[in-house]
Amino acid sequence: MENMYQLAEHFISINGEGKCAGELALFLRFAGCNLRCEWCDTAWACGQDAPYDTVPLCRIGEIAEAAISQGVRNVTLTGGEPLLQENILDVMRRLGEMGLRVEVETNGAVPLKSFYDCGAVFTMDYKLPSSGMEQHMCTENFALLRECDCVKFVCGSRADVFRAKEIAEQYQPQCALYLSPVFGRIDPAEMVEIMKEQRMGSFRLQLQLHKFIWDPMARGV
């Protein structure tokens, strides 16, 4: 019997953030999450009542083939938390075999060790105090991150920016570090001033492009 997956939505858009920001990508959003962040912008896909279609691996392959035919080279697995999907490694491997650059957006609360032999790259969140979820972070993941991966610190307050600096200094991840403001909660200009004051030269401020191009609450973009 073929593996089945809870797919909440799929669409082609630009990557709004990360190393491939601005590039076209196929987005595969899976339902369900083990966290409940205060400022979550995809809460509709996280709860037990999240809408989704149960699809087999072959259907995901068909969706990817259609995207490739439109010139797409990247695919982003997101959620919710995609790594909670049973047999998600099979999806990651299949998409990689099709020639796509596979990026996994993960919330930092799932151990990554068993997922590193699939050829994907990881954008891992570290949940800062304003999320209400910092206590759930798997800090052992920091030692696994490679140059091709990145850590995203989503900041909803000044205190979050200072905390991001503390975490980076403590764990020294060997990958790119991004600061991303919670839309409407903190002024990006204020974050830049903190970066200057705190000599945070190893960080990169990144805005969510899709929230400036489309309505910040729009789905499928």
Protein backbone atom coordinates (compact mmCIF):
# COMPACT_ATOMS: atom_id res chain seq x y z
CA MET A 1 0.00 0.00 0.00
CA GLU A 2 1.33 3.42 -0.96
CA ASN A 3 2.19 5.93 1.75
CA MET A 4 -0.43 8.65 2.30
CA TYR A 5 0.09 12.26 3.34
CA GLN A 6 -2.08 15.04 4.73
CA LEU A 7 -1.66 17.81 2.17
CA ALA A 8 -3.36 21.07 3.18
CA GLU A 9 -2.52 22.98 -0.01
CA HIS A 10 -0.06 23.23 -2.86
CA PHE A 11 0.79 26.14 -5.10
CA ILE A 12 3.56 27.82 -7.06
CA SER A 13 4.83 31.20 -5.89
CA ILE A 14 8.10 32.88 -5.00
CA ASN A 15 10.07 31.96 -1.93
CA GLY A 16 9.25 34.74 0.48
CA GLU A 17 12.34 34.17 2.63
CA GLY A 18 15.41 31.99 3.04
CA LYS A 19 18.40 31.48 0.76
CA CYS A 20 16.22 31.28 -2.36
CA ALA A 21 14.07 34.33 -1.58
CA GLY A 22 12.53 35.69 -4.76
CA GLU A 23 12.90 32.44 -6.72
CA LEU A 24 9.91 30.45 -7.91
CA ALA A 25 9.08 27.39 -5.84
CA LEU A 26 6.45 24.73 -5.49
CA PHE A 27 5.00 24.85 -1.97
CA LEU A 28 3.64 21.69 -0.38
CA ARG A 29 1.91 22.57 2.88
CA PHE A 30 1.19 19.65 5.19
CA ALA A 31 -1.41 19.72 7.96
CA GLY A 32 -0.67 19.45 11.65
CA CYS A 33 1.83 20.98 14.07
CA ASN A 34 3.18 20.18 17.52
CA LEU A 35 3.47 23.87 18.49
CA ARG A 36 1.02 26.75 18.90
CA CYS A 37 2.97 29.96 18.42
CA GLU A 38 1.34 33.19 19.55
CA TRP A 39 1.87 34.89 16.18
CA CYS A 40 1.47 31.90 13.83
CA ASP A 41 0.43 33.02 10.35
CA THR A 42 -0.71 29.56 9.20
CA ALA A 43 -2.69 28.50 12.27
CA TRP A 44 -5.46 27.25 9.99
CA ALA A 45 -3.18 24.37 8.92
CA CYS A 46 -2.00 23.41 12.41
CA GLY A 47 -4.91 22.14 14.48
CA GLN A 48 -6.63 18.77 14.57
CA ASP A 49 -9.46 20.26 12.52
CA ALA A 50 -7.11 21.55 9.79
CA PRO A 51 -8.49 20.96 6.29
CA TYR A 52 -6.43 18.64 4.10
CA ASP A 53 -6.57 16.07 1.33
CA THR A 54 -5.14 12.63 1.95
CA VAL A 55 -2.87 12.04 -1.04
CA PRO A 56 -0.48 9.23 -2.05
CA LEU A 57 3.16 9.75 -2.92
CA CYS A 58 2.38 9.31 -6.61
CA ARG A 59 0.02 12.32 -6.48
CA ILE A 60 2.76 14.46 -4.93
CA GLY A 61 5.01 13.34 -7.77
CA GLU A 62 2.39 14.46 -10.31
CA ILE A 63 2.11 17.87 -8.65
CA ALA A 64 5.90 18.21 -8.78
CA GLU A 65 6.04 17.17 -12.44
CA ALA A 66 3.52 19.87 -13.31
CA ALA A 67 5.61 22.46 -11.47
CA ILE A 68 8.80 21.36 -13.23
CA SER A 69 7.04 21.73 -16.58
CA GLN A 70 6.46 25.39 -15.62
CA GLY A 71 10.16 26.00 -15.00
CA VAL A 72 10.17 25.53 -11.23
CA ARG A 73 13.44 24.25 -9.72
CA ASN A 74 12.67 24.54 -6.00
CA VAL A 75 10.19 22.82 -3.74
CA THR A 76 9.45 23.83 -0.15
CA LEU A 77 7.88 21.43 2.34
CA THR A 78 6.10 23.48 4.96
CA GLY A 79 3.17 23.36 7.33
CA GLY A 80 2.24 23.13 10.06
CA GLU A 81 5.24 20.95 10.65
CA PRO A 82 6.06 18.74 7.64
CA LEU A 83 8.43 16.44 9.56
CA LEU A 84 5.48 15.10 11.56
CA GLN A 85 4.12 13.39 8.44
CA GLU A 86 4.75 9.65 8.58
CA ASN A 87 7.21 8.55 5.87
CA ILE A 88 7.98 12.15 4.86
CA LEU A 89 11.51 10.99 3.98
CA ASP A 90 10.03 9.20 0.97
CA VAL A 91 8.59 12.50 -0.26
CA MET A 92 11.90 14.28 0.21
CA ARG A 93 13.82 11.60 -1.67
CA ARG A 94 11.30 11.40 -4.52
CA LEU A 95 11.37 15.15 -5.09
CA GLY A 96 15.16 15.19 -5.01
CA GLU A 97 15.31 12.38 -7.56
CA MET A 98 13.17 14.54 -9.84
CA GLY A 99 15.91 17.19 -9.85
CA LEU A 100 14.29 19.67 -7.50
CA ARG A 101 16.10 21.55 -4.74
CA VAL A 102 14.18 20.37 -1.69
CA GLU A 103 13.86 22.77 1.23
CA VAL A 104 12.19 21.77 4.49
CA GLU A 105 10.81 24.48 6.75
CA THR A 106 10.81 23.03 10.26
CA ASN A 107 9.80 24.59 13.54
CA GLY A 108 12.82 23.60 15.63
CA ALA A 109 10.84 21.24 17.87
CA VAL A 110 11.55 18.05 15.88
CA PRO A 111 14.92 16.23 16.09
CA LEU A 112 16.60 16.44 12.66
CA LYS A 113 19.11 13.60 12.97
CA SER A 114 17.05 10.99 11.11
CA PHE A 115 16.30 13.30 8.16
CA TYR A 116 19.81 14.20 7.04
CA ASP A 117 20.38 11.44 4.48
CA CYS A 118 17.74 12.62 2.02
CA GLY A 119 19.55 15.43 0.18
CA ALA A 120 17.25 18.19 1.43
CA VAL A 121 18.26 21.49 2.98
CA PHE A 122 16.68 22.76 6.18
CA THR A 123 15.39 26.14 7.25
CA MET A 124 14.99 25.66 10.98
CA ASP A 125 13.13 28.08 13.20
CA TYR A 126 14.26 28.87 16.69
CA LYS A 127 11.16 29.97 18.58
CA LEU A 128 11.93 33.09 20.61
CA PRO A 129 10.12 34.24 23.80
CA SER A 130 7.27 36.09 22.05
CA SER A 131 6.18 32.82 20.43
CA GLY A 132 5.48 31.20 23.79
CA MET A 133 7.15 28.02 22.51
CA GLU A 134 10.85 28.43 23.27
CA GLN A 135 10.81 25.66 25.87
CA HIS A 136 10.05 23.11 23.12
CA MET A 137 13.17 23.76 21.03
CA CYS A 138 15.49 20.83 20.22
CA THR A 139 18.77 22.64 20.73
CA GLU A 140 20.76 19.53 19.76
CA ASN A 141 19.74 20.31 16.19
CA PHE A 142 22.22 23.21 16.09
CA ALA A 143 25.18 20.81 15.97
CA LEU A 144 23.73 19.14 12.86
CA LEU A 145 23.17 22.22 10.71
CA ARG A 146 25.39 22.55 7.64
CA GLU A 147 26.46 25.51 5.53
CA CYS A 148 23.59 24.83 3.13
CA ASP A 149 21.02 25.10 5.94
CA CYS A 150 19.86 28.17 7.84
CA VAL A 151 18.28 29.20 11.12
CA LYS A 152 15.39 31.65 11.14
CA PHE A 153 14.73 33.70 14.26
CA VAL A 154 11.24 35.19 14.02
CA CYS A 155 11.18 38.30 16.21
CA GLY A 156 8.07 39.85 17.69
CA SER A 157 9.81 42.17 20.15
CA ARG A 158 13.11 43.85 20.99
CA ALA A 159 13.74 41.16 23.59
CA ASP A 160 13.50 38.53 20.85
CA VAL A 161 16.34 40.15 18.89
CA PHE A 162 18.61 40.13 21.94
CA ARG A 163 17.67 36.52 22.63
CA ALA A 164 18.54 35.53 19.05
CA LYS A 165 22.02 36.92 19.61
CA GLU A 166 22.38 34.94 22.85
CA ILE A 167 21.33 31.70 21.20
CA ALA A 168 23.70 32.17 18.26
CA GLU A 169 26.60 32.87 20.61
CA GLN A 170 25.76 29.86 22.78
CA TYR A 171 25.32 27.25 20.03
CA GLN A 172 27.34 28.79 17.16
CA PRO A 173 25.47 27.10 14.30
CA GLN A 174 27.60 26.73 11.15
CA CYS A 175 24.99 28.11 8.76
CA ALA A 176 23.24 31.31 7.73
CA LEU A 177 21.32 33.19 10.43
CA TYR A 178 18.20 35.17 9.57
CA LEU A 179 16.19 37.65 11.62
CA SER A 180 12.59 37.94 10.46
CA PRO A 181 10.14 40.42 12.02
CA VAL A 182 6.62 39.31 12.89
CA PHE A 183 4.58 41.33 10.42
CA GLY A 184 3.03 44.34 12.18
CA ARG A 185 4.58 43.64 15.61
CA ILE A 186 8.06 45.11 15.40
CA ASP A 187 9.52 47.79 13.14
CA PRO A 188 12.29 46.32 10.94
CA ALA A 189 14.16 49.63 11.25
CA GLU A 190 14.27 49.13 15.01
CA MET A 191 15.73 45.68 14.46
CA VAL A 192 18.45 47.14 12.27
CA GLU A 193 19.38 49.59 15.02
CA ILE A 194 19.70 46.73 17.51
CA MET A 195 21.82 44.78 15.03
CA LYS A 196 24.14 47.78 14.75
CA GLU A 197 24.30 48.39 18.50
CA GLN A 198 24.90 44.71 19.29
CA ARG A 199 27.37 44.13 16.44
CA MET A 200 25.26 41.37 14.97
CA GLY A 201 27.22 41.14 11.75
CA SER A 202 26.66 37.40 11.39
CA PHE A 203 22.90 37.89 11.03
CA ARG A 204 20.87 38.90 8.00
CA LEU A 205 17.57 40.76 8.34
CA GLN A 206 14.98 39.34 5.99
CA LEU A 207 11.45 40.52 5.35
CA GLN A 208 8.72 38.16 4.16
CA LEU A 209 8.41 39.23 0.52
CA HIS A 210 5.01 37.64 -0.01
CA LYS A 211 3.46 39.82 2.70
CA PHE A 212 4.47 42.95 0.81
CA ILE A 213 3.36 41.69 -2.60
CA TRP A 214 0.00 40.25 -1.50
CA ASP A 215 -2.37 40.66 1.42
CA PRO A 216 -0.46 39.51 4.54
CA MET A 217 -3.23 37.01 5.36
CA ALA A 218 -3.65 35.63 1.83
CA ARG A 219 -3.30 31.88 1.29
CA GLY A 220 -1.74 30.15 -1.67
CA VAL A 221 0.82 32.87 -2.38
